[in-house]
């Protein structure tokens, strides 16, 4: 992701992995379902959530799946958020990284998603950025 996109973020993203390996070799993250919301909503594919914040999420998806711009991210068959794919980057022959913006969803739904992610992934951490490298990281919901 470019530094312009990192600087444009309103909300911090929290990594769901402590691994230092490249994304395509990492094993950690949260399994999610992606749904395509057209006339009716149907299952599109599975994905791995690699980072999350109040403003959106980063996902790994199989490169052979044609993920539309508008999707629904479902975690643990309970919480669903509609989002817009705003970034796509191929990271290997088989994987694509998607940046999803879900800021249009109600704040209460986004916070419920973050609480569920924190329960499913006990070592949630903030991604450092230039502005807060020396500052102690805040909680997931801030």
Foldseek 3Di string as FASTA:
>chain_A
DDVVVVVPDPKFKWFLDPDPDPPVPDDTFAKKWKWDPDVHIDTQAIWGWGIAALFWTKIKDFPPGDDAQWIWIGGPNPAIAIWGFPDWDDDDPTIIITTTTRNVDDSVSSVVVQVVSCVVRVPIGTDDDPVDPPPDDDDRHD
